[in-house]
Amino acid sequence: MTEHQSTQTMKPATAAKKLGVYLDATPADFRDGTVTRAELNALQADPPQWLRDLRRDGPHPRPVVAAKLGVSIAGLRRGGVTEALTTEQIEALKEERPEWLERERAVQADVRKEAARVKKLHAERAAGAEG
């Protein structure tokens, strides 16, 4: 019995998400085809110039914008940011420090504190159950 391994492919949107780039900013040949797992691995291991440029300058997808600003994706939406932003636009927002950004950063900080508190509580309970 011979083993036949099929080539796993993904839609360009999935590959762009895994690469952390905004799909609409990728080259047409990337957007219009499918990406194999091997191609994705090659792009990650040795990114071509277009991928390096996108990662450095943007436009960036919402998860990347949110991470760079230190807010949640929902916080971006509440702040009125619905489009992809370039690195330059993100840096400008950081410098301007609009009220919504400061508020959402505070919310995000509270969320992180609560998550850490809950994680510590679970760890303490687990340690107590073992002992």
N, C-alpha and C. Protein backbone atom coordinates (compact mmCIF):
# COMPACT_ATOMS: atom_id res chain seq x y z
N MET A 1 0.85 -1.17 0.00
CA MET A 1 0.00 0.00 0.00
C MET A 1 0.90 1.24 0.00
N THR A 2 0.70 2.09 -0.96
CA THR A 2 1.52 3.30 -1.05
C THR A 2 0.79 4.46 -0.41
N GLU A 3 1.56 5.31 0.24
CA GLU A 3 0.97 6.48 0.87
C GLU A 3 0.94 7.62 -0.12
N HIS A 4 -0.20 8.27 -0.21
CA HIS A 4 -0.34 9.42 -1.10
C HIS A 4 -0.63 10.63 -0.24
N GLN A 5 0.27 11.58 -0.26
CA GLN A 5 0.08 12.77 0.55
C GLN A 5 -0.43 13.89 -0.34
N SER A 6 -1.62 14.39 -0.03
CA SER A 6 -2.16 15.49 -0.82
C SER A 6 -1.53 16.79 -0.36
N THR A 7 -1.47 17.75 -1.26
CA THR A 7 -0.90 19.04 -0.95
C THR A 7 -1.97 19.89 -0.29
N GLN A 8 -1.68 20.34 0.90
CA GLN A 8 -2.64 21.17 1.61
C GLN A 8 -2.55 22.59 1.07
N THR A 9 -3.69 23.14 0.67
CA THR A 9 -3.72 24.51 0.18
C THR A 9 -4.64 25.34 1.04
N MET A 10 -4.47 26.65 0.94
CA MET A 10 -5.33 27.56 1.69
C MET A 10 -5.67 28.76 0.82
N LYS A 11 -6.73 29.41 1.18
CA LYS A 11 -7.12 30.62 0.47
C LYS A 11 -6.10 31.72 0.78
N PRO A 12 -5.95 32.66 -0.15
CA PRO A 12 -5.02 33.77 0.10
C PRO A 12 -5.33 34.53 1.40
N ALA A 13 -6.61 34.67 1.74
CA ALA A 13 -6.97 35.38 2.97
C ALA A 13 -6.41 34.67 4.20
N THR A 14 -6.47 33.35 4.20
CA THR A 14 -5.93 32.57 5.32
C THR A 14 -4.42 32.72 5.38
N ALA A 15 -3.77 32.64 4.23
CA ALA A 15 -2.32 32.78 4.20
C ALA A 15 -1.90 34.18 4.66
N ALA A 16 -2.61 35.20 4.21
CA ALA A 16 -2.29 36.57 4.61
C ALA A 16 -2.44 36.73 6.12
N LYS A 17 -3.47 36.13 6.68
CA LYS A 17 -3.68 36.19 8.12
C LYS A 17 -2.52 35.52 8.86
N LYS A 18 -2.10 34.37 8.37
CA LYS A 18 -0.98 33.65 9.00
C LYS A 18 0.33 34.43 8.86
N LEU A 19 0.45 35.20 7.79
CA LEU A 19 1.66 36.00 7.57
C LEU A 19 1.59 37.35 8.28
N GLY A 20 0.40 37.71 8.77
CA GLY A 20 0.23 38.98 9.48
C GLY A 20 0.22 40.19 8.57
N VAL A 21 -0.31 40.01 7.34
CA VAL A 21 -0.36 41.13 6.40
C VAL A 21 -1.78 41.36 5.93
N TYR A 22 -2.02 42.56 5.41
CA TYR A 22 -3.32 42.97 4.89
C TYR A 22 -3.47 42.43 3.47
N LEU A 23 -4.46 41.57 3.25
CA LEU A 23 -4.62 40.88 1.98
C LEU A 23 -4.69 41.84 0.80
N ASP A 24 -5.45 42.92 0.91
CA ASP A 24 -5.63 43.83 -0.21
C ASP A 24 -4.33 44.52 -0.63
N ALA A 25 -3.32 44.49 0.22
CA ALA A 25 -2.04 45.12 -0.11
C ALA A 25 -1.04 44.14 -0.71
N THR A 26 -1.40 42.86 -0.76
CA THR A 26 -0.48 41.86 -1.31
C THR A 26 -0.51 41.90 -2.84
N PRO A 27 0.51 41.37 -3.50
CA PRO A 27 0.53 41.34 -4.97
C PRO A 27 -0.64 40.54 -5.53
N ALA A 28 -1.06 40.90 -6.73
CA ALA A 28 -2.21 40.25 -7.38
C ALA A 28 -2.02 38.75 -7.51
N ASP A 29 -0.81 38.29 -7.85
CA ASP A 29 -0.62 36.84 -8.01
C ASP A 29 -0.79 36.09 -6.69
N PHE A 30 -0.54 36.75 -5.57
CA PHE A 30 -0.78 36.14 -4.25
C PHE A 30 -2.28 36.10 -3.97
N ARG A 31 -2.97 37.22 -4.23
CA ARG A 31 -4.42 37.33 -3.95
C ARG A 31 -5.26 36.42 -4.83
N ASP A 32 -4.81 36.18 -6.06
CA ASP A 32 -5.64 35.48 -7.04
C ASP A 32 -5.46 33.97 -7.05
N GLY A 33 -4.49 33.45 -6.33
CA GLY A 33 -4.25 32.00 -6.37
C GLY A 33 -4.58 31.33 -5.07
N THR A 34 -3.99 30.16 -4.91
CA THR A 34 -4.06 29.47 -3.63
C THR A 34 -2.62 29.33 -3.15
N VAL A 35 -2.47 29.10 -1.86
CA VAL A 35 -1.14 29.00 -1.27
C VAL A 35 -1.02 27.62 -0.63
N THR A 36 0.03 26.91 -0.98
CA THR A 36 0.25 25.60 -0.37
C THR A 36 0.96 25.81 0.97
N ARG A 37 0.92 24.78 1.78
CA ARG A 37 1.60 24.83 3.07
C ARG A 37 3.10 25.05 2.85
N ALA A 38 3.66 24.39 1.84
CA ALA A 38 5.09 24.55 1.54
C ALA A 38 5.41 25.99 1.13
N GLU A 39 4.52 26.59 0.31
CA GLU A 39 4.73 27.99 -0.10
C GLU A 39 4.66 28.92 1.10
N LEU A 40 3.71 28.68 1.99
CA LEU A 40 3.58 29.50 3.19
C LEU A 40 4.84 29.38 4.04
N ASN A 41 5.31 28.16 4.23
CA ASN A 41 6.53 27.95 5.01
C ASN A 41 7.72 28.66 4.38
N ALA A 42 7.79 28.63 3.04
CA ALA A 42 8.88 29.31 2.34
C ALA A 42 8.77 30.83 2.52
N LEU A 43 7.55 31.36 2.46
CA LEU A 43 7.35 32.80 2.66
C LEU A 43 7.75 33.21 4.08
N GLN A 44 7.45 32.37 5.05
CA GLN A 44 7.81 32.67 6.43
C GLN A 44 9.31 32.56 6.66
N ALA A 45 9.93 31.56 6.05
CA ALA A 45 11.36 31.32 6.27
C ALA A 45 12.23 32.36 5.56
N ASP A 46 11.84 32.72 4.35
CA ASP A 46 12.63 33.67 3.57
C ASP A 46 11.68 34.62 2.85
N PRO A 47 11.16 35.63 3.59
CA PRO A 47 10.15 36.51 3.00
C PRO A 47 10.69 37.31 1.81
N PRO A 48 9.91 37.36 0.73
CA PRO A 48 10.31 38.19 -0.41
C PRO A 48 10.21 39.68 -0.03
N GLN A 49 10.74 40.54 -0.87
CA GLN A 49 10.77 41.97 -0.57
C GLN A 49 9.38 42.54 -0.31
N TRP A 50 8.38 42.14 -1.10
CA TRP A 50 7.04 42.69 -0.90
C TRP A 50 6.50 42.36 0.48
N LEU A 51 6.81 41.17 0.98
CA LEU A 51 6.34 40.77 2.30
C LEU A 51 7.08 41.53 3.40
N ARG A 52 8.38 41.69 3.24
CA ARG A 52 9.16 42.47 4.22
C ARG A 52 8.66 43.91 4.25
N ASP A 53 8.39 44.49 3.07
CA ASP A 53 7.89 45.87 3.00
C ASP A 53 6.54 46.00 3.69
N LEU A 54 5.63 45.06 3.42
CA LEU A 54 4.30 45.10 4.04
C LEU A 54 4.38 44.99 5.55
N ARG A 55 5.21 44.08 6.03
CA ARG A 55 5.35 43.91 7.47
C ARG A 55 5.94 45.15 8.13
N ARG A 56 6.84 45.82 7.44
CA ARG A 56 7.49 47.00 8.00
C ARG A 56 6.61 48.25 7.89
N ASP A 57 6.04 48.49 6.70
CA ASP A 57 5.36 49.75 6.42
C ASP A 57 3.83 49.67 6.41
N GLY A 58 3.28 48.48 6.25
CA GLY A 58 1.83 48.34 6.15
C GLY A 58 1.36 48.60 4.73
N PRO A 59 0.08 48.74 4.55
CA PRO A 59 -0.96 48.80 5.58
C PRO A 59 -1.08 47.47 6.33
N HIS A 60 -1.41 47.60 7.61
CA HIS A 60 -1.49 46.44 8.49
C HIS A 60 -2.95 46.05 8.74
N PRO A 61 -3.22 44.74 8.91
CA PRO A 61 -4.58 44.30 9.25
C PRO A 61 -4.91 44.70 10.68
N ARG A 62 -6.19 44.70 11.00
CA ARG A 62 -6.66 45.14 12.32
C ARG A 62 -5.96 44.48 13.50
N PRO A 63 -5.74 43.15 13.49
CA PRO A 63 -5.06 42.57 14.66
C PRO A 63 -3.66 43.16 14.88
N VAL A 64 -2.95 43.44 13.80
CA VAL A 64 -1.61 44.01 13.92
C VAL A 64 -1.71 45.46 14.39
N VAL A 65 -2.66 46.23 13.84
CA VAL A 65 -2.85 47.62 14.27
C VAL A 65 -3.19 47.66 15.75
N ALA A 66 -4.11 46.80 16.18
CA ALA A 66 -4.50 46.76 17.59
C ALA A 66 -3.31 46.44 18.48
N ALA A 67 -2.51 45.46 18.09
CA ALA A 67 -1.34 45.08 18.89
C ALA A 67 -0.33 46.22 18.97
N LYS A 68 -0.09 46.89 17.84
CA LYS A 68 0.88 47.99 17.83
C LYS A 68 0.40 49.17 18.68
N LEU A 69 -0.91 49.35 18.76
CA LEU A 69 -1.46 50.45 19.56
C LEU A 69 -1.72 50.04 21.01
N GLY A 70 -1.67 48.74 21.30
CA GLY A 70 -1.91 48.27 22.66
C GLY A 70 -3.36 48.28 23.06
N VAL A 71 -4.24 48.02 22.08
CA VAL A 71 -5.68 47.99 22.34
C VAL A 71 -6.27 46.72 21.73
N SER A 72 -7.54 46.49 21.98
CA SER A 72 -8.22 45.34 21.37
C SER A 72 -8.78 45.74 20.00
N ILE A 73 -9.17 44.74 19.23
CA ILE A 73 -9.79 45.01 17.93
C ILE A 73 -11.11 45.74 18.15
N ALA A 74 -11.86 45.35 19.17
CA ALA A 74 -13.11 46.06 19.49
C ALA A 74 -12.81 47.50 19.88
N GLY A 75 -11.71 47.72 20.58
CA GLY A 75 -11.31 49.07 20.95
C GLY A 75 -11.01 49.92 19.73
N LEU A 76 -10.39 49.32 18.72
CA LEU A 76 -10.17 50.04 17.46
C LEU A 76 -11.50 50.50 16.88
N ARG A 77 -12.45 49.57 16.85
CA ARG A 77 -13.77 49.87 16.29
C ARG A 77 -14.43 50.99 17.08
N ARG A 78 -14.38 50.89 18.41
CA ARG A 78 -14.98 51.96 19.23
C ARG A 78 -14.30 53.29 18.99
N GLY A 79 -13.01 53.26 18.65
CA GLY A 79 -12.27 54.48 18.36
C GLY A 79 -12.48 54.99 16.94
N GLY A 80 -13.25 54.26 16.15
CA GLY A 80 -13.54 54.70 14.79
C GLY A 80 -12.53 54.24 13.76
N VAL A 81 -11.61 53.35 14.13
CA VAL A 81 -10.62 52.85 13.19
C VAL A 81 -11.18 51.58 12.56
N THR A 82 -11.56 51.68 11.30
CA THR A 82 -12.15 50.53 10.61
C THR A 82 -11.32 50.08 9.43
N GLU A 83 -10.36 50.87 9.01
CA GLU A 83 -9.52 50.56 7.86
C GLU A 83 -8.13 50.12 8.32
N ALA A 84 -7.42 49.48 7.41
CA ALA A 84 -6.03 49.12 7.68
C ALA A 84 -5.22 50.41 7.79
N LEU A 85 -4.22 50.41 8.66
CA LEU A 85 -3.37 51.59 8.83
C LEU A 85 -1.93 51.25 8.49
N THR A 86 -1.21 52.25 8.03
CA THR A 86 0.22 52.08 7.77
C THR A 86 0.98 52.29 9.07
N THR A 87 2.22 51.90 9.08
CA THR A 87 3.07 52.12 10.25
C THR A 87 3.14 53.60 10.57
N GLU A 88 3.23 54.44 9.55
CA GLU A 88 3.30 55.89 9.74
C GLU A 88 2.02 56.41 10.43
N GLN A 89 0.86 55.92 10.00
CA GLN A 89 -0.40 56.33 10.62
C GLN A 89 -0.48 55.86 12.07
N ILE A 90 0.00 54.66 12.33
CA ILE A 90 -0.01 54.13 13.69
C ILE A 90 0.88 54.99 14.58
N GLU A 91 2.07 55.31 14.10
CA GLU A 91 3.00 56.15 14.88
C GLU A 91 2.40 57.53 15.13
N ALA A 92 1.70 58.08 14.14
CA ALA A 92 1.05 59.39 14.31
C ALA A 92 -0.01 59.32 15.41
N LEU A 93 -0.79 58.23 15.44
CA LEU A 93 -1.79 58.06 16.50
C LEU A 93 -1.13 57.97 17.87
N LYS A 94 -0.02 57.25 17.94
CA LYS A 94 0.69 57.12 19.21
C LYS A 94 1.16 58.48 19.70
N GLU A 95 1.62 59.32 18.79
CA GLU A 95 2.09 60.65 19.16
C GLU A 95 0.94 61.57 19.55
N GLU A 96 -0.17 61.49 18.80
CA GLU A 96 -1.34 62.35 19.06
C GLU A 96 -2.02 61.97 20.37
N ARG A 97 -2.00 60.69 20.69
CA ARG A 97 -2.64 60.16 21.90
C ARG A 97 -4.08 60.67 22.05
N PRO A 98 -4.93 60.36 21.06
CA PRO A 98 -6.33 60.80 21.19
C PRO A 98 -6.99 60.17 22.41
N GLU A 99 -8.03 60.80 22.87
CA GLU A 99 -8.72 60.35 24.09
C GLU A 99 -9.17 58.90 23.98
N TRP A 100 -9.71 58.50 22.83
CA TRP A 100 -10.20 57.13 22.69
C TRP A 100 -9.06 56.12 22.84
N LEU A 101 -7.86 56.47 22.34
CA LEU A 101 -6.73 55.56 22.43
C LEU A 101 -6.28 55.40 23.87
N GLU A 102 -6.21 56.48 24.60
CA GLU A 102 -5.83 56.40 26.02
C GLU A 102 -6.85 55.58 26.80
N ARG A 103 -8.13 55.80 26.53
CA ARG A 103 -9.19 55.06 27.21
C ARG A 103 -9.10 53.57 26.91
N GLU A 104 -8.91 53.22 25.63
CA GLU A 104 -8.84 51.81 25.24
C GLU A 104 -7.58 51.13 25.75
N ARG A 105 -6.48 51.88 25.85
CA ARG A 105 -5.27 51.30 26.44
C ARG A 105 -5.50 50.99 27.91
N ALA A 106 -6.22 51.87 28.60
CA ALA A 106 -6.52 51.62 30.02
C ALA A 106 -7.41 50.40 30.16
N VAL A 107 -8.39 50.28 29.28
CA VAL A 107 -9.28 49.11 29.31
C VAL A 107 -8.46 47.84 29.08
N GLN A 108 -7.58 47.89 28.11
CA GLN A 108 -6.75 46.72 27.80
C GLN A 108 -5.84 46.36 28.97
N ALA A 109 -5.30 47.37 29.64
CA ALA A 109 -4.45 47.12 30.81
C ALA A 109 -5.26 46.44 31.92
N ASP A 110 -6.50 46.89 32.12
CA ASP A 110 -7.36 46.27 33.13
C ASP A 110 -7.67 44.81 32.77
N VAL A 111 -7.91 44.57 31.49
CA VAL A 111 -8.20 43.20 31.03
C VAL A 111 -7.00 42.29 31.30
N ARG A 112 -5.80 42.80 31.01
CA ARG A 112 -4.59 42.00 31.25
C ARG A 112 -4.40 41.72 32.74
N LYS A 113 -4.64 42.72 33.58
CA LYS A 113 -4.51 42.53 35.03
C LYS A 113 -5.48 41.47 35.52
N GLU A 114 -6.71 41.54 35.04
CA GLU A 114 -7.72 40.57 35.46
C GLU A 114 -7.35 39.17 34.98
N ALA A 115 -6.85 39.05 33.77
CA ALA A 115 -6.45 37.74 33.24
C ALA A 115 -5.31 37.17 34.08
N ALA A 116 -4.37 38.01 34.46
CA ALA A 116 -3.25 37.55 35.29
C ALA A 116 -3.75 37.12 36.67
N ARG A 117 -4.70 37.87 37.23
CA ARG A 117 -5.25 37.52 38.54
C ARG A 117 -5.95 36.17 38.49
N VAL A 118 -6.75 35.95 37.44
CA VAL A 118 -7.48 34.70 37.29
C VAL A 118 -6.51 33.54 37.08
N LYS A 119 -5.47 33.76 36.28
CA LYS A 119 -4.47 32.71 36.03
C LYS A 119 -3.78 32.33 37.34
N LYS A 120 -3.43 33.33 38.15
CA LYS A 120 -2.77 33.07 39.43
C LYS A 120 -3.70 32.30 40.35
N LEU A 121 -4.96 32.69 40.37
CA LEU A 121 -5.95 32.01 41.21
C LEU A 121 -6.08 30.55 40.81
N HIS A 122 -6.17 30.29 39.52
CA HIS A 122 -6.26 28.90 39.03
C HIS A 122 -5.01 28.10 39.40
N ALA A 123 -3.85 28.72 39.28
CA ALA A 123 -2.60 28.04 39.62
C ALA A 123 -2.57 27.71 41.11
N GLU A 124 -3.02 28.65 41.95
CA GLU A 124 -3.05 28.40 43.40
C GLU A 124 -4.01 27.27 43.74
N ARG A 125 -5.18 27.28 43.09
CA ARG A 125 -6.15 26.22 43.34
C ARG A 125 -5.61 24.86 42.90
N ALA A 126 -4.94 24.84 41.74
CA ALA A 126 -4.37 23.59 41.24
C ALA A 126 -3.29 23.09 42.18
N ALA A 127 -2.46 24.00 42.69
CA ALA A 127 -1.41 23.61 43.62
C ALA A 127 -2.02 23.09 44.92
N GLY A 128 -3.10 23.71 45.36
CA GLY A 128 -3.78 23.27 46.59
C GLY A 128 -4.42 21.91 46.41
N ALA A 129 -4.94 21.64 45.23
CA ALA A 129 -5.58 20.35 44.96
C ALA A 129 -4.56 19.22 44.90
N GLU A 130 -3.33 19.55 44.44
CA GLU A 130 -2.31 18.53 44.34
C GLU A 130 -1.71 18.20 45.71
N GLY A 131 -1.66 19.21 46.59
CA GLY A 131 -0.98 19.00 47.86
C GLY A 131 -1.85 18.48 48.90
